[in-house]
Amino acid sequence: MIKYQDRILYGTDVTIPEEEPEFESKSRDLAEKWRSNWIYLATDSTQQIKYLPGKVKGLHLPKRVVDKIFHKNADRYFTNVKL
């Protein structure tokens, strides 16, 4: 991930309409998944991942790499996209 840090974008294509009855709970679930992914990339904490046996230790990537994955690469890419 460090070698290809300029090529990685974090994102999802999940959408939840606000009028959906379960909007609040699904939004909380997505926020928790984002948090879990951030913990995995940014820290060396261990966490239990659903469907995996045992705990998984985080990658503890440098802050500059995490910032690129979660924000800066998307800004750079979408700033140059012509819609």
PDB file of N, CA and C in Angstrom:
ATOM      1  N   MET A   1       0.825  -1.190   0.000  1.00  0.00           N
ATOM      2  CA  MET A   1       0.000   0.000   0.000  1.00  0.00           C
ATOM      3  C   MET A   1       0.872   1.257   0.000  1.00  0.00           C
ATOM      4  N   ILE A   2       2.029   1.152   0.590  1.00  0.00           N
ATOM      5  CA  ILE A   2       2.924   2.310   0.575  1.00  0.00           C
ATOM      6  C   ILE A   2       3.464   2.529  -0.833  1.00  0.00           C
ATOM      7  N   LYS A   3       3.855   1.455  -1.505  1.00  0.00           N
ATOM      8  CA  LYS A   3       4.405   1.577  -2.854  1.00  0.00           C
ATOM      9  C   LYS A   3       3.401   2.211  -3.817  1.00  0.00           C
ATOM     10  N   TYR A   4       2.124   1.819  -3.717  1.00  0.00           N
ATOM     11  CA  TYR A   4       1.109   2.304  -4.649  1.00  0.00           C
ATOM     12  C   TYR A   4       0.141   3.291  -4.006  1.00  0.00           C
ATOM     13  N   GLN A   5       0.601   4.021  -3.010  1.00  0.00           N
ATOM     14  CA  GLN A   5      -0.260   4.921  -2.252  1.00  0.00           C
ATOM     15  C   GLN A   5      -0.976   5.975  -3.096  1.00  0.00           C
ATOM     16  N   ASP A   6      -0.427   6.345  -4.222  1.00  0.00           N
ATOM     17  CA  ASP A   6      -1.063   7.357  -5.070  1.00  0.00           C
ATOM     18  C   ASP A   6      -2.156   6.778  -5.963  1.00  0.00           C
ATOM     19  N   ARG A   7      -2.336   5.464  -5.926  1.00  0.00           N
ATOM     20  CA  ARG A   7      -3.317   4.794  -6.791  1.00  0.00           C
ATOM     21  C   ARG A   7      -4.532   4.265  -6.031  1.00  0.00           C
ATOM     22  N   ILE A   8      -4.567   4.427  -4.724  1.00  0.00           N
ATOM     23  CA  ILE A   8      -5.614   3.813  -3.907  1.00  0.00           C
ATOM     24  C   ILE A   8      -6.640   4.863  -3.480  1.00  0.00           C
ATOM     25  N   LEU A   9      -7.921   4.553  -3.716  1.00  0.00           N
ATOM     26  CA  LEU A   9      -9.023   5.412  -3.267  1.00  0.00           C
ATOM     27  C   LEU A   9      -9.903   4.604  -2.325  1.00  0.00           C
ATOM     28  N   TYR A  10     -10.251   5.175  -1.204  1.00  0.00           N
ATOM     29  CA  TYR A  10     -11.197   4.523  -0.304  1.00  0.00           C
ATOM     30  C   TYR A  10     -12.584   5.031  -0.660  1.00  0.00           C
ATOM     31  N   GLY A  11     -13.523   4.129  -0.791  1.00  0.00           N
ATOM     32  CA  GLY A  11     -14.875   4.571  -1.105  1.00  0.00           C
ATOM     33  C   GLY A  11     -15.863   3.431  -1.074  1.00  0.00           C
ATOM     34  N   THR A  12     -17.099   3.776  -1.305  1.00  0.00           N
ATOM     35  CA  THR A  12     -18.172   2.797  -1.360  1.00  0.00           C
ATOM     36  C   THR A  12     -19.208   3.275  -2.364  1.00  0.00           C
ATOM     37  N   ASP A  13     -19.979   2.342  -2.859  1.00  0.00           N
ATOM     38  CA  ASP A  13     -21.078   2.710  -3.744  1.00  0.00           C
ATOM     39  C   ASP A  13     -22.421   2.507  -3.044  1.00  0.00           C
ATOM     40  N   VAL A  14     -22.383   2.318  -1.730  1.00  0.00           N
ATOM     41  CA  VAL A  14     -23.603   2.114  -0.957  1.00  0.00           C
ATOM     42  C   VAL A  14     -24.350   3.436  -0.826  1.00  0.00           C
ATOM     43  N   THR A  15     -25.640   3.388  -1.100  1.00  0.00           N
ATOM     44  CA  THR A  15     -26.488   4.561  -0.867  1.00  0.00           C
ATOM     45  C   THR A  15     -27.663   4.136   0.009  1.00  0.00           C
ATOM     46  N   ILE A  16     -28.073   5.040   0.873  1.00  0.00           N
ATOM     47  CA  ILE A  16     -29.210   4.778   1.757  1.00  0.00           C
ATOM     48  C   ILE A  16     -30.137   5.989   1.666  1.00  0.00           C
ATOM     49  N   PRO A  17     -31.306   5.834   1.057  1.00  0.00           N
ATOM     50  CA  PRO A  17     -32.242   6.959   0.982  1.00  0.00           C
ATOM     51  C   PRO A  17     -32.689   7.377   2.387  1.00  0.00           C
ATOM     52  N   GLU A  18     -32.720   8.673   2.640  1.00  0.00           N
ATOM     53  CA  GLU A  18     -33.106   9.170   3.966  1.00  0.00           C
ATOM     54  C   GLU A  18     -34.510   8.748   4.360  1.00  0.00           C
ATOM     55  N   GLU A  19     -35.371   8.514   3.377  1.00  0.00           N
ATOM     56  CA  GLU A  19     -36.752   8.131   3.694  1.00  0.00           C
ATOM     57  C   GLU A  19     -36.881   6.643   4.037  1.00  0.00           C
ATOM     58  N   GLU A  20     -35.794   5.893   3.881  1.00  0.00           N
ATOM     59  CA  GLU A  20     -35.828   4.472   4.219  1.00  0.00           C
ATOM     60  C   GLU A  20     -36.027   4.307   5.732  1.00  0.00           C
ATOM     61  N   PRO A  21     -36.930   3.403   6.127  1.00  0.00           N
ATOM     62  CA  PRO A  21     -37.228   3.235   7.553  1.00  0.00           C
ATOM     63  C   PRO A  21     -36.006   2.925   8.422  1.00  0.00           C
ATOM     64  N   GLU A  22     -35.020   2.243   7.864  1.00  0.00           N
ATOM     65  CA  GLU A  22     -33.844   1.850   8.641  1.00  0.00           C
ATOM     66  C   GLU A  22     -32.635   2.748   8.369  1.00  0.00           C
ATOM     67  N   PHE A  23     -32.877   3.969   7.911  1.00  0.00           N
ATOM     68  CA  PHE A  23     -31.796   4.884   7.543  1.00  0.00           C
ATOM     69  C   PHE A  23     -30.801   5.077   8.675  1.00  0.00           C
ATOM     70  N   GLU A  24     -31.275   5.356   9.867  1.00  0.00           N
ATOM     71  CA  GLU A  24     -30.384   5.638  10.999  1.00  0.00           C
ATOM     72  C   GLU A  24     -29.497   4.445  11.337  1.00  0.00           C
ATOM     73  N   SER A  25     -30.081   3.257  11.428  1.00  0.00           N
ATOM     74  CA  SER A  25     -29.281   2.088  11.808  1.00  0.00           C
ATOM     75  C   SER A  25     -28.292   1.715  10.706  1.00  0.00           C
ATOM     76  N   LYS A  26     -28.699   1.819   9.443  1.00  0.00           N
ATOM     77  CA  LYS A  26     -27.777   1.508   8.341  1.00  0.00           C
ATOM     78  C   LYS A  26     -26.650   2.536   8.265  1.00  0.00           C
ATOM     79  N   SER A  27     -26.968   3.792   8.549  1.00  0.00           N
ATOM     80  CA  SER A  27     -25.938   4.834   8.562  1.00  0.00           C
ATOM     81  C   SER A  27     -24.918   4.561   9.663  1.00  0.00           C
ATOM     82  N   ARG A  28     -25.392   4.147  10.826  1.00  0.00           N
ATOM     83  CA  ARG A  28     -24.480   3.801  11.926  1.00  0.00           C
ATOM     84  C   ARG A  28     -23.607   2.608  11.540  1.00  0.00           C
ATOM     85  N   ASP A  29     -24.200   1.615  10.878  1.00  0.00           N
ATOM     86  CA  ASP A  29     -23.425   0.442  10.443  1.00  0.00           C
ATOM     87  C   ASP A  29     -22.315   0.845   9.468  1.00  0.00           C
ATOM     88  N   LEU A  30     -22.638   1.714   8.515  1.00  0.00           N
ATOM     89  CA  LEU A  30     -21.622   2.171   7.559  1.00  0.00           C
ATOM     90  C   LEU A  30     -20.522   2.963   8.254  1.00  0.00           C
ATOM     91  N   ALA A  31     -20.903   3.797   9.201  1.00  0.00           N
ATOM     92  CA  ALA A  31     -19.918   4.584   9.946  1.00  0.00           C
ATOM     93  C   ALA A  31     -18.998   3.657  10.740  1.00  0.00           C
ATOM     94  N   GLU A  32     -19.552   2.605  11.302  1.00  0.00           N
ATOM     95  CA  GLU A  32     -18.736   1.644  12.056  1.00  0.00           C
ATOM     96  C   GLU A  32     -17.785   0.884  11.128  1.00  0.00           C
ATOM     97  N   LYS A  33     -18.227   0.549   9.930  1.00  0.00           N
ATOM     98  CA  LYS A  33     -17.346  -0.119   8.962  1.00  0.00           C
ATOM     99  C   LYS A  33     -16.205   0.806   8.549  1.00  0.00           C
ATOM    100  N   TRP A  34     -16.527   2.088   8.321  1.00  0.00           N
ATOM    101  CA  TRP A  34     -15.491   3.060   7.975  1.00  0.00           C
ATOM    102  C   TRP A  34     -14.472   3.150   9.110  1.00  0.00           C
ATOM    103  N   ARG A  35     -14.970   3.230  10.329  1.00  0.00           N
ATOM    104  CA  ARG A  35     -14.090   3.332  11.494  1.00  0.00           C
ATOM    105  C   ARG A  35     -13.185   2.099  11.598  1.00  0.00           C
ATOM    106  N   SER A  36     -13.740   0.923  11.392  1.00  0.00           N
ATOM    107  CA  SER A  36     -12.964  -0.311  11.442  1.00  0.00           C
ATOM    108  C   SER A  36     -11.874  -0.316  10.367  1.00  0.00           C
ATOM    109  N   ASN A  37     -12.220   0.131   9.172  1.00  0.00           N
ATOM    110  CA  ASN A  37     -11.236   0.203   8.085  1.00  0.00           C
ATOM    111  C   ASN A  37     -10.135   1.210   8.410  1.00  0.00           C
ATOM    112  N   TRP A  38     -10.528   2.346   8.985  1.00  0.00           N
ATOM    113  CA  TRP A  38      -9.545   3.368   9.361  1.00  0.00           C
ATOM    114  C   TRP A  38      -8.601   2.812  10.426  1.00  0.00           C
ATOM    115  N   ILE A  39      -9.152   2.142  11.431  1.00  0.00           N
ATOM    116  CA  ILE A  39      -8.325   1.550  12.483  1.00  0.00           C
ATOM    117  C   ILE A  39      -7.335   0.562  11.875  1.00  0.00           C
ATOM    118  N   TYR A  40      -7.801  -0.256  10.934  1.00  0.00           N
ATOM    119  CA  TYR A  40      -6.931  -1.243  10.290  1.00  0.00           C
ATOM    120  C   TYR A  40      -5.784  -0.570   9.535  1.00  0.00           C
ATOM    121  N   LEU A  41      -6.067   0.479   8.803  1.00  0.00           N
ATOM    122  CA  LEU A  41      -5.034   1.134   8.003  1.00  0.00           C
ATOM    123  C   LEU A  41      -4.126   2.044   8.821  1.00  0.00           C
ATOM    124  N   ALA A  42      -4.670   2.743   9.805  1.00  0.00           N
ATOM    125  CA  ALA A  42      -3.934   3.810  10.488  1.00  0.00           C
ATOM    126  C   ALA A  42      -3.268   3.394  11.794  1.00  0.00           C
ATOM    127  N   THR A  43      -3.665   2.272  12.382  1.00  0.00           N
ATOM    128  CA  THR A  43      -3.117   1.890  13.686  1.00  0.00           C
ATOM    129  C   THR A  43      -2.581   0.458  13.650  1.00  0.00           C
ATOM    130  N   ASP A  44      -1.934   0.080  14.738  1.00  0.00           N
ATOM    131  CA  ASP A  44      -1.502  -1.313  14.863  1.00  0.00           C
ATOM    132  C   ASP A  44      -2.379  -2.064  15.867  1.00  0.00           C
ATOM    133  N   SER A  45      -3.556  -1.527  16.138  1.00  0.00           N
ATOM    134  CA  SER A  45      -4.510  -2.185  17.027  1.00  0.00           C
ATOM    135  C   SER A  45      -4.996  -3.482  16.405  1.00  0.00           C
ATOM    136  N   THR A  46      -5.370  -4.420  17.256  1.00  0.00           N
ATOM    137  CA  THR A  46      -5.959  -5.650  16.750  1.00  0.00           C
ATOM    138  C   THR A  46      -7.470  -5.565  16.888  1.00  0.00           C
ATOM    139  N   GLN A  47      -8.170  -6.172  15.954  1.00  0.00           N
ATOM    140  CA  GLN A  47      -9.621  -6.193  16.004  1.00  0.00           C
ATOM    141  C   GLN A  47     -10.146  -7.482  15.397  1.00  0.00           C
ATOM    142  N   GLN A  48     -11.300  -7.871  15.861  1.00  0.00           N
ATOM    143  CA  GLN A  48     -11.963  -9.052  15.321  1.00  0.00           C
ATOM    144  C   GLN A  48     -12.733  -8.639  14.076  1.00  0.00           C
ATOM    145  N   ILE A  49     -12.520  -9.325  12.983  1.00  0.00           N
ATOM    146  CA  ILE A  49     -13.195  -9.043  11.729  1.00  0.00           C
ATOM    147  C   ILE A  49     -14.191 -10.170  11.466  1.00  0.00           C
ATOM    148  N   LYS A  50     -15.416  -9.796  11.179  1.00  0.00           N
ATOM    149  CA  LYS A  50     -16.453 -10.779  10.898  1.00  0.00           C
ATOM    150  C   LYS A  50     -15.994 -11.694   9.764  1.00  0.00           C
ATOM    151  N   TYR A  51     -16.252 -12.971   9.909  1.00  0.00           N
ATOM    152  CA  TYR A  51     -15.919 -14.010   8.920  1.00  0.00           C
ATOM    153  C   TYR A  51     -14.440 -14.384   8.872  1.00  0.00           C
ATOM    154  N   LEU A  52     -13.600 -13.809   9.722  1.00  0.00           N
ATOM    155  CA  LEU A  52     -12.196 -14.203   9.772  1.00  0.00           C
ATOM    156  C   LEU A  52     -11.899 -14.816  11.133  1.00  0.00           C
ATOM    157  N   PRO A  53     -11.166 -15.916  11.142  1.00  0.00           N
ATOM    158  CA  PRO A  53     -10.813 -16.502  12.437  1.00  0.00           C
ATOM    159  C   PRO A  53      -9.702 -15.679  13.098  1.00  0.00           C
ATOM    160  N   GLY A  54      -9.792 -15.484  14.366  1.00  0.00           N
ATOM    161  CA  GLY A  54      -8.758 -14.746  15.081  1.00  0.00           C
ATOM    162  C   GLY A  54      -8.841 -13.257  14.867  1.00  0.00           C
ATOM    163  N   LYS A  55      -7.933 -12.558  15.509  1.00  0.00           N
ATOM    164  CA  LYS A  55      -7.894 -11.099  15.391  1.00  0.00           C
ATOM    165  C   LYS A  55      -6.918 -10.680  14.306  1.00  0.00           C
ATOM    166  N   VAL A  56      -7.130  -9.481  13.781  1.00  0.00           N
ATOM    167  CA  VAL A  56      -6.299  -8.934  12.712  1.00  0.00           C
ATOM    168  C   VAL A  56      -5.597  -7.686  13.238  1.00  0.00           C
ATOM    169  N   LYS A  57      -4.293  -7.636  13.039  1.00  0.00           N
ATOM    170  CA  LYS A  57      -3.515  -6.474  13.477  1.00  0.00           C
ATOM    171  C   LYS A  57      -3.492  -5.428  12.372  1.00  0.00           C
ATOM    172  N   GLY A  58      -3.648  -4.169  12.754  1.00  0.00           N
ATOM    173  CA  GLY A  58      -3.649  -3.069  11.797  1.00  0.00           C
ATOM    174  C   GLY A  58      -2.297  -2.868  11.131  1.00  0.00           C
ATOM    175  N   LEU A  59      -2.318  -2.184   9.990  1.00  0.00           N
ATOM    176  CA  LEU A  59      -1.106  -1.961   9.201  1.00  0.00           C
ATOM    177  C   LEU A  59      -0.246  -0.810   9.705  1.00  0.00           C
ATOM    178  N   HIS A  60      -0.836   0.112  10.457  1.00  0.00           N
ATOM    179  CA  HIS A  60      -0.130   1.281  10.994  1.00  0.00           C
ATOM    180  C   HIS A  60       0.638   2.017   9.900  1.00  0.00           C
ATOM    181  N   LEU A  61      -0.083   2.332   8.811  1.00  0.00           N
ATOM    182  CA  LEU A  61       0.520   3.070   7.702  1.00  0.00           C
ATOM    183  C   LEU A  61       0.845   4.486   8.155  1.00  0.00           C
ATOM    184  N   PRO A  62       1.835   5.113   7.528  1.00  0.00           N
ATOM    185  CA  PRO A  62       2.138   6.512   7.860  1.00  0.00           C
ATOM    186  C   PRO A  62       0.925   7.407   7.597  1.00  0.00           C
ATOM    187  N   LYS A  63       0.797   8.457   8.404  1.00  0.00           N
ATOM    188  CA  LYS A  63      -0.340   9.377   8.291  1.00  0.00           C
ATOM    189  C   LYS A  63      -0.483   9.914   6.873  1.00  0.00           C
ATOM    190  N   ARG A  64       0.601  10.244   6.223  1.00  0.00           N
ATOM    191  CA  ARG A  64       0.519  10.799   4.859  1.00  0.00           C
ATOM    192  C   ARG A  64      -0.111   9.804   3.897  1.00  0.00           C
ATOM    193  N   VAL A  65       0.136   8.511   4.084  1.00  0.00           N
ATOM    194  CA  VAL A  65      -0.442   7.476   3.221  1.00  0.00           C
ATOM    195  C   VAL A  65      -1.933   7.327   3.512  1.00  0.00           C
ATOM    196  N   VAL A  66      -2.296   7.287   4.775  1.00  0.00           N
ATOM    197  CA  VAL A  66      -3.715   7.182   5.162  1.00  0.00           C
ATOM    198  C   VAL A  66      -4.488   8.386   4.641  1.00  0.00           C
ATOM    199  N   ASP A  67      -3.911   9.575   4.749  1.00  0.00           N
ATOM    200  CA  ASP A  67      -4.574  10.785   4.235  1.00  0.00           C
ATOM    201  C   ASP A  67      -4.809  10.688   2.734  1.00  0.00           C
ATOM    202  N   LYS A  68      -3.855  10.136   2.010  1.00  0.00           N
ATOM    203  CA  LYS A  68      -4.027   9.971   0.566  1.00  0.00           C
ATOM    204  C   LYS A  68      -5.154   8.986   0.258  1.00  0.00           C
ATOM    205  N   ILE A  69      -5.158   7.858   0.953  1.00  0.00           N
ATOM    206  CA  ILE A  69      -6.159   6.822   0.696  1.00  0.00           C
ATOM    207  C   ILE A  69      -7.570   7.324   0.990  1.00  0.00           C
ATOM    208  N   PHE A  70      -7.731   8.029   2.094  1.00  0.00           N
ATOM    209  CA  PHE A  70      -9.062   8.448   2.515  1.00  0.00           C
ATOM    210  C   PHE A  70      -9.500   9.796   1.947  1.00  0.00           C
ATOM    211  N   HIS A  71      -8.576  10.587   1.399  1.00  0.00           N
ATOM    212  CA  HIS A  71      -9.000  11.931   1.005  1.00  0.00           C
ATOM    213  C   HIS A  71      -8.233  12.514  -0.188  1.00  0.00           C
ATOM    214  N   LYS A  72      -6.940  12.639  -0.057  1.00  0.00           N
ATOM    215  CA  LYS A  72      -6.167  13.411  -1.038  1.00  0.00           C
ATOM    216  C   LYS A  72      -6.171  12.824  -2.446  1.00  0.00           C
ATOM    217  N   ASN A  73      -6.111  11.501  -2.572  1.00  0.00           N
ATOM    218  CA  ASN A  73      -6.132  10.902  -3.909  1.00  0.00           C
ATOM    219  C   ASN A  73      -7.463  11.170  -4.611  1.00  0.00           C
ATOM    220  N   ALA A  74      -8.555  11.067  -3.877  1.00  0.00           N
ATOM    221  CA  ALA A  74      -9.863  11.343  -4.471  1.00  0.00           C
ATOM    222  C   ALA A  74      -9.965  12.809  -4.879  1.00  0.00           C
ATOM    223  N   ASP A  75      -9.490  13.705  -4.031  1.00  0.00           N
ATOM    224  CA  ASP A  75      -9.495  15.129  -4.390  1.00  0.00           C
ATOM    225  C   ASP A  75      -8.711  15.366  -5.673  1.00  0.00           C
ATOM    226  N   ARG A  76      -7.542  14.763  -5.756  1.00  0.00           N
ATOM    227  CA  ARG A  76      -6.701  14.949  -6.944  1.00  0.00           C
ATOM    228  C   ARG A  76      -7.386  14.377  -8.181  1.00  0.00           C
ATOM    229  N   TYR A  77      -7.952  13.193  -8.069  1.00  0.00           N
ATOM    230  CA  TYR A  77      -8.584  12.551  -9.214  1.00  0.00           C
ATOM    231  C   TYR A  77      -9.838  13.292  -9.648  1.00  0.00           C
ATOM    232  N   PHE A  78     -10.749  13.556  -8.723  1.00  0.00           N
ATOM    233  CA  PHE A  78     -12.027  14.144  -9.090  1.00  0.00           C
ATOM    234  C   PHE A  78     -11.940  15.623  -9.430  1.00  0.00           C
ATOM    235  N   THR A  79     -10.872  16.283  -9.047  1.00  0.00           N
ATOM    236  CA  THR A  79     -10.668  17.657  -9.450  1.00  0.00           C
ATOM    237  C   THR A  79     -10.403  17.746 -10.949  1.00  0.00           C
ATOM    238  N   ASN A  80      -9.777  16.710 -11.507  1.00  0.00           N
ATOM    239  CA  ASN A  80      -9.403  16.708 -12.925  1.00  0.00           C
ATOM    240  C   ASN A  80     -10.412  16.002 -13.837  1.00  0.00           C
ATOM    241  N   VAL A  81     -11.471  15.458 -13.275  1.00  0.00           N
ATOM    242  CA  VAL A  81     -12.454  14.730 -14.081  1.00  0.00           C
ATOM    243  C   VAL A  81     -13.436  15.707 -14.718  1.00  0.00           C
ATOM    244  N   LYS A  82     -13.655  15.549 -15.999  1.00  0.00           N
ATOM    245  CA  LYS A  82     -14.632  16.364 -16.724  1.00  0.00           C
ATOM    246  C   LYS A  82     -15.940  15.590 -16.793  1.00  0.00           C
ATOM    247  N   LEU A  83     -16.992  16.108 -16.213  1.00  0.00           N
ATOM    248  CA  LEU A  83     -18.285  15.426 -16.234  1.00  0.00           C
ATOM    249  C   LEU A  83     -19.142  15.922 -17.373  1.00  0.00           C
TER     250      LEU A  83
END
